[in-house]
Amino acid sequence: MSESPYLLDNRKDEAGDRFEALAALYDRMTAGHFDTIGVGPGWRCLEIGAGGGSVVRHLADRVGPTGRVLATDIEPRFLDPLGDLANVDVARHDIVVDPLPEAEFDLVHARLVLIHVPERLAVLPRLVAALKPGGWLLVEDADATVSQEVFFDPQTDDEHLANRLRHGLMDMLEERGITPDFARSLPRLFRAIGLADIAGDAYLPFSPIARTLERANVLQLRNEILDRGVASSDEVERYLARLDDPEFIPAGPFVMSTWGRRPAG
């Protein structure tokens, strides 16, 4: 297996658990944004970085038999079960270099994708070009500055350890090219690329489900955590054990969302 440019490589065993946790934490948020935008029957939608496919299934239900959803991912192996949906197409696709159809979609959506793409500023105009006039771009992404903390009022050694591990993760992500404050710049960037009717919101989940996300990330990055001295082997094991405690409730990543419409004229 060649090395992925992305730290949280979807080809690793822990990716499935991470996708399930992200769906449980954020699908309701995303569905609310689709409500606001008005996604409905007959829409043609592009889901960038479709991951585990939960958002694709939701979109397929919304657009119905007269609509269509194109689900893309650089590693689409988790999207194979979507083959049973008649109005869904799945494609292996790298948003940085692979072509997209132009003026094709009523909605282009990316959740927790662009922050991991160093070429994100070049990608945004490509996404706009894929929209029909009047179509909507919705980007939901993590603000890594706020997301450095798992516990905002740490009181115990385990809560301080959780924050130290998250800081280590963010340092690794920055080395791979993330911009920590990218999500908060989206309204400005949307204006710069000519979108209209721009709006947005932010969401920070505190949920037991976040323990599953923490576990998947720590397990996948265990070697890097140890090699960098972020935590000792004993500390990692202690933290993994602590994640079995239903009273231990970390925060999920803080997600800022922005949507805007390609002008019809």
C-alpha atoms as a PDB file:
ATOM      1  CA  MET A   1       0.000   0.000   0.000  1.00  0.00           C
ATOM      2  CA  SER A   2       1.495   3.345  -1.036  1.00  0.00           C
ATOM      3  CA  GLU A   3       1.494   6.163   1.506  1.00  0.00           C
ATOM      4  CA  SER A   4      -1.567   8.379   1.351  1.00  0.00           C
ATOM      5  CA  PRO A   5      -1.111  12.166   1.362  1.00  0.00           C
ATOM      6  CA  TYR A   6      -3.870  12.259   3.979  1.00  0.00           C
ATOM      7  CA  LEU A   7      -3.045  11.598   7.623  1.00  0.00           C
ATOM      8  CA  LEU A   8      -6.343   9.826   8.354  1.00  0.00           C
ATOM      9  CA  ASP A   9      -6.080   7.455   5.396  1.00  0.00           C
ATOM     10  CA  ASN A  10      -9.447   5.896   4.489  1.00  0.00           C
ATOM     11  CA  ARG A  11      -7.699   2.658   3.510  1.00  0.00           C
ATOM     12  CA  LYS A  12      -6.855   1.877   7.125  1.00  0.00           C
ATOM     13  CA  ASP A  13      -8.961  -0.512   9.233  1.00  0.00           C
ATOM     14  CA  GLU A  14     -10.125   2.231  11.610  1.00  0.00           C
ATOM     15  CA  ALA A  15     -11.772   4.259   8.825  1.00  0.00           C
ATOM     16  CA  GLY A  16     -15.060   2.379   9.060  1.00  0.00           C
ATOM     17  CA  ASP A  17     -15.502   3.215  12.746  1.00  0.00           C
ATOM     18  CA  ARG A  18     -14.544   6.825  12.073  1.00  0.00           C
ATOM     19  CA  PHE A  19     -17.156   7.148   9.304  1.00  0.00           C
ATOM     20  CA  GLU A  20     -19.870   5.671  11.530  1.00  0.00           C
ATOM     21  CA  ALA A  21     -19.011   8.097  14.316  1.00  0.00           C
ATOM     22  CA  LEU A  22     -18.934  11.094  11.977  1.00  0.00           C
ATOM     23  CA  ALA A  23     -22.318  10.120  10.573  1.00  0.00           C
ATOM     24  CA  ALA A  24     -23.821   9.833  14.053  1.00  0.00           C
ATOM     25  CA  LEU A  25     -22.305  13.154  15.148  1.00  0.00           C
ATOM     26  CA  TYR A  26     -22.962  15.293  12.069  1.00  0.00           C
ATOM     27  CA  ASP A  27     -25.626  13.831   9.757  1.00  0.00           C
ATOM     28  CA  ARG A  28     -28.430  15.637  11.574  1.00  0.00           C
ATOM     29  CA  MET A  29     -26.524  18.905  11.202  1.00  0.00           C
ATOM     30  CA  THR A  30     -26.029  18.282   7.482  1.00  0.00           C
ATOM     31  CA  ALA A  31     -29.677  17.351   6.969  1.00  0.00           C
ATOM     32  CA  GLY A  32     -30.659  20.647   8.562  1.00  0.00           C
ATOM     33  CA  HIS A  33     -28.508  22.505   6.052  1.00  0.00           C
ATOM     34  CA  PHE A  34     -30.155  20.603   3.208  1.00  0.00           C
ATOM     35  CA  ASP A  35     -33.514  21.719   4.633  1.00  0.00           C
ATOM     36  CA  THR A  36     -32.350  25.338   4.666  1.00  0.00           C
ATOM     37  CA  ILE A  37     -31.103  25.168   1.079  1.00  0.00           C
ATOM     38  CA  GLY A  38     -34.235  23.347  -0.067  1.00  0.00           C
ATOM     39  CA  VAL A  39     -32.754  20.137  -1.491  1.00  0.00           C
ATOM     40  CA  GLY A  40     -35.632  18.132  -2.912  1.00  0.00           C
ATOM     41  CA  PRO A  41     -37.026  15.910  -5.666  1.00  0.00           C
ATOM     42  CA  GLY A  42     -35.304  16.084  -9.009  1.00  0.00           C
ATOM     43  CA  TRP A  43     -32.084  17.713  -7.769  1.00  0.00           C
ATOM     44  CA  ARG A  44     -28.738  16.638  -9.159  1.00  0.00           C
ATOM     45  CA  CYS A  45     -26.176  16.511  -6.341  1.00  0.00           C
ATOM     46  CA  LEU A  46     -22.430  15.990  -6.074  1.00  0.00           C
ATOM     47  CA  GLU A  47     -21.076  14.620  -2.804  1.00  0.00           C
ATOM     48  CA  ILE A  48     -17.309  15.220  -2.564  1.00  0.00           C
ATOM     49  CA  GLY A  49     -15.353  12.869  -0.300  1.00  0.00           C
ATOM     50  CA  ALA A  50     -18.411  10.712   0.332  1.00  0.00           C
ATOM     51  CA  GLY A  51     -16.604   8.569   2.931  1.00  0.00           C
ATOM     52  CA  GLY A  52     -18.955   6.017   4.455  1.00  0.00           C
ATOM     53  CA  GLY A  53     -21.898   7.024   2.281  1.00  0.00           C
ATOM     54  CA  SER A  54     -24.448   8.087   4.921  1.00  0.00           C
ATOM     55  CA  VAL A  55     -24.948  11.542   3.387  1.00  0.00           C
ATOM     56  CA  VAL A  56     -25.269   9.992  -0.074  1.00  0.00           C
ATOM     57  CA  ARG A  57     -28.120   7.760   1.114  1.00  0.00           C
ATOM     58  CA  HIS A  58     -29.833  10.761   2.661  1.00  0.00           C
ATOM     59  CA  LEU A  59     -29.496  12.759  -0.558  1.00  0.00           C
ATOM     60  CA  ALA A  60     -30.740   9.827  -2.641  1.00  0.00           C
ATOM     61  CA  ASP A  61     -33.919   9.722  -0.543  1.00  0.00           C
ATOM     62  CA  ARG A  62     -34.416  13.472  -0.906  1.00  0.00           C
ATOM     63  CA  VAL A  63     -33.928  13.765  -4.665  1.00  0.00           C
ATOM     64  CA  GLY A  64     -35.985  10.653  -5.389  1.00  0.00           C
ATOM     65  CA  PRO A  65     -36.209   8.762  -8.681  1.00  0.00           C
ATOM     66  CA  THR A  66     -36.179  11.935 -10.776  1.00  0.00           C
ATOM     67  CA  GLY A  67     -32.942  13.185  -9.189  1.00  0.00           C
ATOM     68  CA  ARG A  68     -29.406  11.866  -9.147  1.00  0.00           C
ATOM     69  CA  VAL A  69     -26.418  11.815  -6.787  1.00  0.00           C
ATOM     70  CA  LEU A  70     -22.799  11.471  -7.837  1.00  0.00           C
ATOM     71  CA  ALA A  71     -20.715  10.236  -4.887  1.00  0.00           C
ATOM     72  CA  THR A  72     -16.956  10.634  -5.216  1.00  0.00           C
ATOM     73  CA  ASP A  73     -14.007   9.725  -3.035  1.00  0.00           C
ATOM     74  CA  ILE A  74     -10.300   9.218  -3.523  1.00  0.00           C
ATOM     75  CA  GLU A  75     -10.842   5.781  -1.906  1.00  0.00           C
ATOM     76  CA  PRO A  76     -14.466   4.711  -2.540  1.00  0.00           C
ATOM     77  CA  ARG A  77     -14.348   1.207  -1.045  1.00  0.00           C
ATOM     78  CA  PHE A  78     -16.899   2.093   1.655  1.00  0.00           C
ATOM     79  CA  LEU A  79     -19.316   3.253  -1.042  1.00  0.00           C
ATOM     80  CA  ASP A  80     -19.752  -0.170  -2.677  1.00  0.00           C
ATOM     81  CA  PRO A  81     -23.061  -0.851  -0.856  1.00  0.00           C
ATOM     82  CA  LEU A  82     -24.551   2.197  -2.573  1.00  0.00           C
ATOM     83  CA  GLY A  83     -24.722   0.113  -5.744  1.00  0.00           C
ATOM     84  CA  ASP A  84     -28.251  -0.894  -4.727  1.00  0.00           C
ATOM     85  CA  LEU A  85     -29.503   2.683  -5.173  1.00  0.00           C
ATOM     86  CA  ALA A  86     -30.801   3.353  -8.671  1.00  0.00           C
ATOM     87  CA  ASN A  87     -30.247   7.116  -8.516  1.00  0.00           C
ATOM     88  CA  VAL A  88     -26.640   7.045  -7.253  1.00  0.00           C
ATOM     89  CA  ASP A  89     -23.383   6.890  -9.210  1.00  0.00           C
ATOM     90  CA  VAL A  90     -20.053   6.237  -7.448  1.00  0.00           C
ATOM     91  CA  ALA A  91     -16.690   7.327  -8.827  1.00  0.00           C
ATOM     92  CA  ARG A  92     -13.093   7.182  -7.641  1.00  0.00           C
ATOM     93  CA  HIS A  93     -12.089  10.814  -7.941  1.00  0.00           C
ATOM     94  CA  ASP A  94      -9.362  13.163  -6.746  1.00  0.00           C
ATOM     95  CA  ILE A  95     -10.918  16.603  -6.443  1.00  0.00           C
ATOM     96  CA  VAL A  96      -7.522  18.268  -6.968  1.00  0.00           C
ATOM     97  CA  VAL A  97      -6.663  16.836 -10.379  1.00  0.00           C
ATOM     98  CA  ASP A  98      -9.585  14.892 -11.852  1.00  0.00           C
ATOM     99  CA  PRO A  99     -12.114  16.719 -14.074  1.00  0.00           C
ATOM    100  CA  LEU A 100     -15.672  17.540 -13.032  1.00  0.00           C
ATOM    101  CA  PRO A 101     -18.637  18.183 -15.303  1.00  0.00           C
ATOM    102  CA  GLU A 102     -19.448  21.891 -15.615  1.00  0.00           C
ATOM    103  CA  ALA A 103     -22.788  23.530 -14.801  1.00  0.00           C
ATOM    104  CA  GLU A 104     -24.214  20.118 -13.905  1.00  0.00           C
ATOM    105  CA  PHE A 105     -25.331  20.150 -10.272  1.00  0.00           C
ATOM    106  CA  ASP A 106     -27.984  21.835  -8.139  1.00  0.00           C
ATOM    107  CA  LEU A 107     -25.899  21.067  -5.038  1.00  0.00           C
ATOM    108  CA  VAL A 108     -22.213  20.443  -4.431  1.00  0.00           C
ATOM    109  CA  HIS A 109     -21.453  19.343  -0.870  1.00  0.00           C
ATOM    110  CA  ALA A 110     -18.228  18.568   0.990  1.00  0.00           C
ATOM    111  CA  ARG A 111     -18.070  17.717   4.702  1.00  0.00           C
ATOM    112  CA  LEU A 112     -14.763  17.486   6.579  1.00  0.00           C
ATOM    113  CA  VAL A 113     -12.906  17.165   3.280  1.00  0.00           C
ATOM    114  CA  LEU A 114     -11.326  20.395   2.080  1.00  0.00           C
ATOM    115  CA  ILE A 115      -9.398  21.071   5.286  1.00  0.00           C
ATOM    116  CA  HIS A 116      -7.345  17.965   4.433  1.00  0.00           C
ATOM    117  CA  VAL A 117      -6.628  19.170   0.873  1.00  0.00           C
ATOM    118  CA  PRO A 118      -3.650  21.569   0.700  1.00  0.00           C
ATOM    119  CA  GLU A 119      -4.878  22.799  -2.704  1.00  0.00           C
ATOM    120  CA  ARG A 120      -8.278  23.750  -1.230  1.00  0.00           C
ATOM    121  CA  LEU A 121      -8.204  27.346  -2.502  1.00  0.00           C
ATOM    122  CA  ALA A 122      -7.765  26.109  -6.067  1.00  0.00           C
ATOM    123  CA  VAL A 123     -10.499  23.505  -5.590  1.00  0.00           C
ATOM    124  CA  LEU A 124     -13.249  25.952  -4.569  1.00  0.00           C
ATOM    125  CA  PRO A 125     -13.601  27.597  -8.027  1.00  0.00           C
ATOM    126  CA  ARG A 126     -13.766  24.136  -9.608  1.00  0.00           C
ATOM    127  CA  LEU A 127     -16.695  23.281  -7.336  1.00  0.00           C
ATOM    128  CA  VAL A 128     -18.470  26.489  -8.305  1.00  0.00           C
ATOM    129  CA  ALA A 129     -17.935  25.729 -11.999  1.00  0.00           C
ATOM    130  CA  ALA A 130     -19.665  22.371 -11.461  1.00  0.00           C
ATOM    131  CA  LEU A 131     -22.832  24.136 -10.262  1.00  0.00           C
ATOM    132  CA  LYS A 132     -25.744  25.013 -12.482  1.00  0.00           C
ATOM    133  CA  PRO A 133     -26.641  28.697 -12.407  1.00  0.00           C
ATOM    134  CA  GLY A 134     -28.653  29.022  -9.209  1.00  0.00           C
ATOM    135  CA  GLY A 135     -27.040  25.910  -7.696  1.00  0.00           C
ATOM    136  CA  TRP A 136     -25.731  25.751  -4.133  1.00  0.00           C
ATOM    137  CA  LEU A 137     -22.272  25.050  -2.705  1.00  0.00           C
ATOM    138  CA  LEU A 138     -22.275  23.783   0.883  1.00  0.00           C
ATOM    139  CA  VAL A 139     -18.961  23.268   2.692  1.00  0.00           C
ATOM    140  CA  GLU A 140     -18.923  21.945   6.265  1.00  0.00           C
ATOM    141  CA  ASP A 141     -15.454  21.824   7.742  1.00  0.00           C
ATOM    142  CA  ALA A 142     -13.636  21.643  11.040  1.00  0.00           C
ATOM    143  CA  ASP A 143     -12.160  24.702  12.676  1.00  0.00           C
ATOM    144  CA  ALA A 144      -8.939  23.180  13.934  1.00  0.00           C
ATOM    145  CA  THR A 145      -8.184  26.108  16.243  1.00  0.00           C
ATOM    146  CA  VAL A 146     -11.198  25.370  18.458  1.00  0.00           C
ATOM    147  CA  SER A 147     -10.982  21.635  17.839  1.00  0.00           C
ATOM    148  CA  GLN A 148      -7.586  21.408  19.556  1.00  0.00           C
ATOM    149  CA  GLU A 149      -9.453  20.905  22.827  1.00  0.00           C
ATOM    150  CA  VAL A 150     -11.374  17.738  23.635  1.00  0.00           C
ATOM    151  CA  PHE A 151     -12.265  19.073  27.088  1.00  0.00           C
ATOM    152  CA  PHE A 152     -12.693  22.832  27.449  1.00  0.00           C
ATOM    153  CA  ASP A 153     -12.556  22.746  31.232  1.00  0.00           C
ATOM    154  CA  PRO A 154     -10.141  19.862  31.941  1.00  0.00           C
ATOM    155  CA  GLN A 155     -10.120  18.753  35.561  1.00  0.00           C
ATOM    156  CA  THR A 156      -8.619  15.264  35.597  1.00  0.00           C
ATOM    157  CA  ASP A 157      -5.383  13.746  34.355  1.00  0.00           C
ATOM    158  CA  ASP A 158      -7.322  11.834  31.698  1.00  0.00           C
ATOM    159  CA  GLU A 159      -8.982  15.010  30.421  1.00  0.00           C
ATOM    160  CA  HIS A 160      -5.606  16.748  30.181  1.00  0.00           C
ATOM    161  CA  LEU A 161      -4.259  13.665  28.386  1.00  0.00           C
ATOM    162  CA  ALA A 162      -7.158  13.834  25.930  1.00  0.00           C
ATOM    163  CA  ASN A 163      -6.259  17.435  25.113  1.00  0.00           C
ATOM    164  CA  ARG A 164      -2.588  16.563  24.709  1.00  0.00           C
ATOM    165  CA  LEU A 165      -3.452  13.791  22.246  1.00  0.00           C
ATOM    166  CA  ARG A 166      -5.743  16.110  20.265  1.00  0.00           C
ATOM    167  CA  HIS A 167      -3.016  18.764  20.143  1.00  0.00           C
ATOM    168  CA  GLY A 168      -0.663  16.106  18.778  1.00  0.00           C
ATOM    169  CA  LEU A 169      -3.209  15.156  16.104  1.00  0.00           C
ATOM    170  CA  MET A 170      -3.593  18.784  15.057  1.00  0.00           C
ATOM    171  CA  ASP A 171       0.176  19.218  14.824  1.00  0.00           C
ATOM    172  CA  MET A 172       0.369  16.186  12.530  1.00  0.00           C
ATOM    173  CA  LEU A 173      -2.470  17.545  10.393  1.00  0.00           C
ATOM    174  CA  GLU A 174      -0.763  20.914  10.041  1.00  0.00           C
ATOM    175  CA  GLU A 175       2.369  19.157   8.825  1.00  0.00           C
ATOM    176  CA  ARG A 176       0.188  17.526   6.139  1.00  0.00           C
ATOM    177  CA  GLY A 177      -1.060  20.886   4.943  1.00  0.00           C
ATOM    178  CA  ILE A 178      -4.228  21.803   6.822  1.00  0.00           C
ATOM    179  CA  THR A 179      -4.928  25.455   7.555  1.00  0.00           C
ATOM    180  CA  PRO A 180      -6.406  25.537  11.087  1.00  0.00           C
ATOM    181  CA  ASP A 181      -8.699  28.511  10.462  1.00  0.00           C
ATOM    182  CA  PHE A 182      -9.807  27.557   6.942  1.00  0.00           C
ATOM    183  CA  ALA A 183     -13.445  26.955   7.896  1.00  0.00           C
ATOM    184  CA  ARG A 184     -13.871  30.413   9.423  1.00  0.00           C
ATOM    185  CA  SER A 185     -12.584  32.000   6.189  1.00  0.00           C
ATOM    186  CA  LEU A 186     -15.269  30.362   4.033  1.00  0.00           C
ATOM    187  CA  PRO A 187     -17.720  33.312   3.955  1.00  0.00           C
ATOM    188  CA  ARG A 188     -14.935  35.570   2.657  1.00  0.00           C
ATOM    189  CA  LEU A 189     -13.791  32.946   0.153  1.00  0.00           C
ATOM    190  CA  PHE A 190     -17.345  32.374  -1.072  1.00  0.00           C
ATOM    191  CA  ARG A 191     -17.720  36.104  -1.723  1.00  0.00           C
ATOM    192  CA  ALA A 192     -14.396  36.172  -3.563  1.00  0.00           C
ATOM    193  CA  ILE A 193     -15.498  33.425  -5.967  1.00  0.00           C
ATOM    194  CA  GLY A 194     -18.742  35.192  -6.757  1.00  0.00           C
ATOM    195  CA  LEU A 195     -21.361  33.289  -4.765  1.00  0.00           C
ATOM    196  CA  ALA A 196     -24.555  34.962  -3.569  1.00  0.00           C
ATOM    197  CA  ASP A 197     -26.983  34.468  -0.664  1.00  0.00           C
ATOM    198  CA  ILE A 198     -24.111  33.386   1.585  1.00  0.00           C
ATOM    199  CA  ALA A 199     -24.969  32.182   5.082  1.00  0.00           C
ATOM    200  CA  GLY A 200     -23.661  29.696   7.621  1.00  0.00           C
ATOM    201  CA  ASP A 201     -23.554  28.402  11.155  1.00  0.00           C
ATOM    202  CA  ALA A 202     -21.378  26.401  13.544  1.00  0.00           C
ATOM    203  CA  TYR A 203     -21.845  23.212  15.541  1.00  0.00           C
ATOM    204  CA  LEU A 204     -19.927  21.627  18.414  1.00  0.00           C
ATOM    205  CA  PRO A 205     -21.138  18.189  19.562  1.00  0.00           C
ATOM    206  CA  PHE A 206     -20.653  16.871  23.086  1.00  0.00           C
ATOM    207  CA  SER A 207     -21.687  13.241  22.786  1.00  0.00           C
ATOM    208  CA  PRO A 208     -20.728   9.739  23.932  1.00  0.00           C
ATOM    209  CA  ILE A 209     -20.418   8.954  20.217  1.00  0.00           C
ATOM    210  CA  ALA A 210     -17.299  11.115  20.130  1.00  0.00           C
ATOM    211  CA  ARG A 211     -15.536   8.374  22.116  1.00  0.00           C
ATOM    212  CA  THR A 212     -15.741   6.134  19.025  1.00  0.00           C
ATOM    213  CA  LEU A 213     -14.172   8.857  16.895  1.00  0.00           C
ATOM    214  CA  GLU A 214     -11.405   9.409  19.456  1.00  0.00           C
ATOM    215  CA  ARG A 215     -10.684   5.681  19.626  1.00  0.00           C
ATOM    216  CA  ALA A 216     -10.467   5.298  15.843  1.00  0.00           C
ATOM    217  CA  ASN A 217      -8.078   8.240  15.507  1.00  0.00           C
ATOM    218  CA  VAL A 218      -5.811   7.173  18.370  1.00  0.00           C
ATOM    219  CA  LEU A 219      -5.656   3.570  17.167  1.00  0.00           C
ATOM    220  CA  GLN A 220      -4.837   4.614  13.605  1.00  0.00           C
ATOM    221  CA  LEU A 221      -2.151   7.083  14.705  1.00  0.00           C
ATOM    222  CA  ARG A 222      -0.746   5.122  17.649  1.00  0.00           C
ATOM    223  CA  ASN A 223       2.707   4.678  16.087  1.00  0.00           C
ATOM    224  CA  GLU A 224       2.967   8.361  15.177  1.00  0.00           C
ATOM    225  CA  ILE A 225       1.846   9.356  18.689  1.00  0.00           C
ATOM    226  CA  LEU A 226       4.557   7.204  20.254  1.00  0.00           C
ATOM    227  CA  ASP A 227       7.274   8.155  17.769  1.00  0.00           C
ATOM    228  CA  ARG A 228       6.666  11.869  18.328  1.00  0.00           C
ATOM    229  CA  GLY A 229       6.527  11.542  22.107  1.00  0.00           C
ATOM    230  CA  VAL A 230       3.014  12.950  22.317  1.00  0.00           C
ATOM    231  CA  ALA A 231       2.196  10.267  24.871  1.00  0.00           C
ATOM    232  CA  SER A 232       3.743   7.099  26.226  1.00  0.00           C
ATOM    233  CA  SER A 233       2.499   3.612  25.436  1.00  0.00           C
ATOM    234  CA  ASP A 234       1.039   3.345  28.944  1.00  0.00           C
ATOM    235  CA  GLU A 235      -0.765   6.664  28.513  1.00  0.00           C
ATOM    236  CA  VAL A 236      -2.242   5.599  25.193  1.00  0.00           C
ATOM    237  CA  GLU A 237      -3.513   2.370  26.725  1.00  0.00           C
ATOM    238  CA  ARG A 238      -4.920   4.286  29.698  1.00  0.00           C
ATOM    239  CA  TYR A 239      -6.754   6.652  27.377  1.00  0.00           C
ATOM    240  CA  LEU A 240      -8.176   3.845  25.251  1.00  0.00           C
ATOM    241  CA  ALA A 241      -9.469   2.182  28.416  1.00  0.00           C
ATOM    242  CA  ARG A 242     -10.979   5.484  29.582  1.00  0.00           C
ATOM    243  CA  LEU A 243     -12.905   5.711  26.326  1.00  0.00           C
ATOM    244  CA  ASP A 244     -14.925   2.678  27.490  1.00  0.00           C
ATOM    245  CA  ASP A 245     -16.384   4.770  30.330  1.00  0.00           C
ATOM    246  CA  PRO A 246     -19.873   6.078  29.400  1.00  0.00           C
ATOM    247  CA  GLU A 247     -19.339   9.031  31.746  1.00  0.00           C
ATOM    248  CA  PHE A 248     -16.289  10.178  29.767  1.00  0.00           C
ATOM    249  CA  ILE A 249     -17.732  12.492  27.095  1.00  0.00           C
ATOM    250  CA  PRO A 250     -15.253  14.304  24.829  1.00  0.00           C
ATOM    251  CA  ALA A 251     -16.146  17.028  22.355  1.00  0.00           C
ATOM    252  CA  GLY A 252     -16.215  16.211  18.681  1.00  0.00           C
ATOM    253  CA  PRO A 253     -14.543  18.541  16.189  1.00  0.00           C
ATOM    254  CA  PHE A 254     -16.044  22.029  15.953  1.00  0.00           C
ATOM    255  CA  VAL A 255     -17.595  22.339  12.493  1.00  0.00           C
ATOM    256  CA  MET A 256     -18.279  25.636  10.729  1.00  0.00           C
ATOM    257  CA  SER A 257     -20.565  25.488   7.694  1.00  0.00           C
ATOM    258  CA  THR A 258     -21.057  27.950   4.868  1.00  0.00           C
ATOM    259  CA  TRP A 259     -23.411  27.825   1.910  1.00  0.00           C
ATOM    260  CA  GLY A 260     -23.841  30.088  -1.096  1.00  0.00           C
ATOM    261  CA  ARG A 261     -25.566  30.111  -4.461  1.00  0.00           C
ATOM    262  CA  ARG A 262     -24.086  30.492  -7.929  1.00  0.00           C
ATOM    263  CA  PRO A 263     -25.835  33.512  -9.421  1.00  0.00           C
ATOM    264  CA  ALA A 264     -28.496  32.582 -11.959  1.00  0.00           C
ATOM    265  CA  GLY A 265     -27.652  35.393 -14.334  1.00  0.00           C
END
